[in-house]
N, C-alpha and C. Protein backbone atom coordinates (compact mmCIF):
# COMPACT_ATOMS: atom_id res chain seq x y z
N MET A 1 0.84 -1.18 0.00
CA MET A 1 0.00 0.00 0.00
C MET A 1 0.88 1.25 0.00
N LYS A 2 0.54 2.20 -0.85
CA LYS A 2 1.32 3.42 -0.95
C LYS A 2 1.00 4.38 0.18
N LYS A 3 1.99 5.17 0.53
CA LYS A 3 1.87 6.17 1.57
C LYS A 3 2.04 7.53 0.89
N LYS A 4 1.07 8.41 1.07
CA LYS A 4 1.10 9.71 0.40
C LYS A 4 1.63 10.78 1.34
N ARG A 5 2.53 11.61 0.81
CA ARG A 5 3.06 12.75 1.56
C ARG A 5 2.74 14.02 0.77
N SER A 6 2.32 15.04 1.47
CA SER A 6 2.06 16.34 0.85
C SER A 6 3.12 17.31 1.34
N LEU A 7 3.68 18.09 0.43
CA LEU A 7 4.72 19.03 0.77
C LEU A 7 4.82 20.12 -0.29
N SER A 8 5.64 21.11 -0.02
CA SER A 8 5.89 22.17 -0.98
C SER A 8 7.24 21.96 -1.63
N LEU A 9 7.26 22.01 -2.94
CA LEU A 9 8.51 21.96 -3.71
C LEU A 9 8.59 23.24 -4.52
N HIS A 10 9.57 24.07 -4.20
CA HIS A 10 9.76 25.33 -4.90
C HIS A 10 8.49 26.19 -4.85
N GLY A 11 7.85 26.19 -3.68
CA GLY A 11 6.68 27.03 -3.48
C GLY A 11 5.37 26.47 -4.01
N HIS A 12 5.39 25.27 -4.55
CA HIS A 12 4.17 24.65 -5.07
C HIS A 12 3.82 23.43 -4.24
N ARG A 13 2.55 23.33 -3.85
CA ARG A 13 2.11 22.16 -3.10
C ARG A 13 2.02 20.97 -4.04
N THR A 14 2.48 19.83 -3.56
CA THR A 14 2.40 18.60 -4.34
C THR A 14 2.24 17.42 -3.40
N SER A 15 1.79 16.33 -3.93
CA SER A 15 1.66 15.08 -3.16
C SER A 15 2.44 14.00 -3.90
N ILE A 16 3.12 13.19 -3.14
CA ILE A 16 3.89 12.09 -3.70
C ILE A 16 3.46 10.82 -2.98
N ALA A 17 3.09 9.80 -3.74
CA ALA A 17 2.67 8.52 -3.17
C ALA A 17 3.72 7.46 -3.51
N LEU A 18 4.32 6.90 -2.48
CA LEU A 18 5.32 5.85 -2.63
C LEU A 18 5.05 4.75 -1.61
N GLU A 19 5.56 3.58 -1.88
CA GLU A 19 5.48 2.48 -0.92
C GLU A 19 6.34 2.84 0.30
N PRO A 20 5.94 2.38 1.49
CA PRO A 20 6.66 2.73 2.72
C PRO A 20 8.15 2.40 2.67
N GLU A 21 8.52 1.34 1.99
CA GLU A 21 9.93 0.96 1.91
C GLU A 21 10.77 2.04 1.21
N PHE A 22 10.20 2.66 0.20
CA PHE A 22 10.92 3.74 -0.49
C PHE A 22 11.02 4.97 0.41
N TRP A 23 9.93 5.28 1.11
CA TRP A 23 9.98 6.41 2.04
C TRP A 23 11.04 6.17 3.12
N ASP A 24 11.17 4.94 3.59
CA ASP A 24 12.18 4.62 4.61
C ASP A 24 13.58 4.97 4.12
N VAL A 25 13.89 4.60 2.88
CA VAL A 25 15.22 4.88 2.31
C VAL A 25 15.41 6.38 2.15
N ILE A 26 14.41 7.06 1.62
CA ILE A 26 14.52 8.50 1.39
C ILE A 26 14.67 9.26 2.71
N GLU A 27 13.88 8.90 3.70
CA GLU A 27 13.96 9.55 5.01
C GLU A 27 15.32 9.30 5.66
N ALA A 28 15.84 8.09 5.54
CA ALA A 28 17.16 7.77 6.10
C ALA A 28 18.25 8.60 5.43
N GLN A 29 18.13 8.78 4.12
CA GLN A 29 19.12 9.59 3.40
C GLN A 29 19.02 11.06 3.80
N ALA A 30 17.81 11.56 4.00
CA ALA A 30 17.64 12.95 4.44
C ALA A 30 18.29 13.14 5.81
N GLU A 31 18.06 12.19 6.70
CA GLU A 31 18.66 12.27 8.03
C GLU A 31 20.18 12.19 7.95
N LYS A 32 20.68 11.27 7.16
CA LYS A 32 22.13 11.10 6.99
C LYS A 32 22.78 12.38 6.47
N ARG A 33 22.08 13.06 5.57
CA ARG A 33 22.60 14.29 4.96
C ARG A 33 22.25 15.53 5.78
N GLN A 34 21.55 15.32 6.88
CA GLN A 34 21.10 16.41 7.76
C GLN A 34 20.28 17.43 6.97
N GLN A 35 19.33 16.90 6.18
CA GLN A 35 18.42 17.72 5.39
C GLN A 35 17.00 17.41 5.81
N SER A 36 16.13 18.36 5.57
CA SER A 36 14.71 18.07 5.74
C SER A 36 14.27 17.17 4.58
N LEU A 37 13.18 16.49 4.78
CA LEU A 37 12.64 15.65 3.71
C LEU A 37 12.30 16.51 2.50
N ALA A 38 11.65 17.65 2.73
CA ALA A 38 11.29 18.55 1.62
C ALA A 38 12.54 19.07 0.91
N GLY A 39 13.59 19.35 1.67
CA GLY A 39 14.84 19.83 1.07
C GLY A 39 15.46 18.79 0.16
N LEU A 40 15.51 17.55 0.62
CA LEU A 40 16.08 16.48 -0.20
C LEU A 40 15.22 16.25 -1.43
N LEU A 41 13.91 16.23 -1.27
CA LEU A 41 13.03 16.00 -2.42
C LEU A 41 13.15 17.12 -3.44
N ALA A 42 13.29 18.37 -2.98
CA ALA A 42 13.48 19.48 -3.91
C ALA A 42 14.79 19.33 -4.67
N GLU A 43 15.84 18.92 -3.97
CA GLU A 43 17.14 18.70 -4.61
C GLU A 43 17.05 17.59 -5.66
N LEU A 44 16.37 16.51 -5.32
CA LEU A 44 16.23 15.40 -6.26
C LEU A 44 15.35 15.79 -7.45
N ASP A 45 14.33 16.59 -7.20
CA ASP A 45 13.49 17.06 -8.30
C ASP A 45 14.30 17.95 -9.24
N ASP A 46 15.14 18.82 -8.68
CA ASP A 46 16.02 19.65 -9.51
C ASP A 46 16.95 18.79 -10.34
N GLN A 47 17.50 17.75 -9.73
CA GLN A 47 18.40 16.83 -10.43
C GLN A 47 17.66 16.15 -11.58
N ARG A 48 16.45 15.70 -11.31
CA ARG A 48 15.64 15.03 -12.33
C ARG A 48 15.43 15.96 -13.53
N VAL A 49 15.06 17.19 -13.26
CA VAL A 49 14.78 18.16 -14.33
C VAL A 49 16.06 18.51 -15.09
N SER A 50 17.15 18.75 -14.36
CA SER A 50 18.40 19.13 -15.03
C SER A 50 18.98 17.99 -15.86
N ASP A 51 18.69 16.75 -15.47
CA ASP A 51 19.15 15.58 -16.24
C ASP A 51 18.27 15.35 -17.47
N GLY A 52 17.20 16.13 -17.60
CA GLY A 52 16.29 15.95 -18.72
C GLY A 52 15.44 14.70 -18.60
N ASN A 53 15.30 14.22 -17.37
CA ASN A 53 14.52 13.02 -17.11
C ASN A 53 13.04 13.34 -17.23
N SER A 54 12.35 12.65 -18.13
CA SER A 54 10.94 12.94 -18.35
C SER A 54 10.01 12.08 -17.50
N SER A 55 10.57 11.20 -16.67
CA SER A 55 9.71 10.38 -15.82
C SER A 55 9.12 11.25 -14.72
N GLY A 56 8.05 10.79 -14.13
CA GLY A 56 7.44 11.51 -13.02
C GLY A 56 8.33 11.46 -11.79
N LEU A 57 8.07 12.36 -10.86
CA LEU A 57 8.89 12.44 -9.66
C LEU A 57 8.84 11.15 -8.85
N ALA A 58 7.67 10.55 -8.69
CA ALA A 58 7.56 9.32 -7.90
C ALA A 58 8.41 8.20 -8.51
N SER A 59 8.37 8.05 -9.82
CA SER A 59 9.18 7.02 -10.48
C SER A 59 10.67 7.31 -10.30
N PHE A 60 11.04 8.57 -10.44
CA PHE A 60 12.43 8.96 -10.26
C PHE A 60 12.89 8.63 -8.84
N LEU A 61 12.04 8.92 -7.85
CA LEU A 61 12.40 8.66 -6.45
C LEU A 61 12.55 7.17 -6.17
N ARG A 62 11.71 6.35 -6.78
CA ARG A 62 11.85 4.89 -6.59
C ARG A 62 13.20 4.40 -7.12
N VAL A 63 13.57 4.86 -8.30
CA VAL A 63 14.85 4.45 -8.89
C VAL A 63 16.00 4.99 -8.05
N TRP A 64 15.91 6.24 -7.61
CA TRP A 64 16.95 6.83 -6.78
C TRP A 64 17.12 6.05 -5.48
N ALA A 65 16.01 5.72 -4.83
CA ALA A 65 16.07 4.96 -3.57
C ALA A 65 16.69 3.58 -3.80
N PHE A 66 16.32 2.93 -4.90
CA PHE A 66 16.90 1.63 -5.23
C PHE A 66 18.41 1.75 -5.40
N LYS A 67 18.85 2.80 -6.10
CA LYS A 67 20.29 3.00 -6.31
C LYS A 67 21.01 3.25 -4.99
N GLN A 68 20.37 3.94 -4.05
CA GLN A 68 20.98 4.18 -2.75
C GLN A 68 21.20 2.87 -2.00
N VAL A 69 20.21 2.00 -2.03
CA VAL A 69 20.33 0.70 -1.37
C VAL A 69 21.42 -0.13 -2.06
N LYS A 70 21.44 -0.08 -3.36
CA LYS A 70 22.45 -0.82 -4.13
C LYS A 70 23.86 -0.33 -3.77
N LEU A 71 24.03 0.98 -3.64
CA LEU A 71 25.33 1.54 -3.25
C LEU A 71 25.74 1.07 -1.85
N GLN A 72 24.78 1.08 -0.93
CA GLN A 72 25.06 0.64 0.43
C GLN A 72 25.49 -0.81 0.47
N LEU A 73 24.84 -1.63 -0.31
CA LEU A 73 25.20 -3.06 -0.36
C LEU A 73 26.58 -3.26 -0.97
N ALA A 74 26.91 -2.49 -1.99
CA ALA A 74 28.22 -2.59 -2.64
C ALA A 74 29.33 -2.16 -1.68
N GLN A 75 29.06 -1.18 -0.83
CA GLN A 75 30.06 -0.71 0.12
C GLN A 75 30.32 -1.73 1.22
N LYS A 76 29.36 -2.62 1.47
CA LYS A 76 29.54 -3.64 2.49
C LYS A 76 30.39 -4.82 2.01
N ASP A 77 30.50 -4.94 0.69
CA ASP A 77 31.30 -6.06 0.12
C ASP A 77 32.78 -5.84 0.29
């Protein structure tokens, strides 16, 4: 079941629905980077746009979270 979060990105209200496991990864990364959740999501949204990524923000966040877990696993090897 997806969990919806409402927040402001660059002054615009938006809602993002992701599975709890993805939110766990994103929240952990925000804490690790000492950023607010909204701050990290705004940064990632900027990255998505500057990369010319045409996928939606939720899809981009799922892939980003997956890559973060993959990096963590690689560092443990």
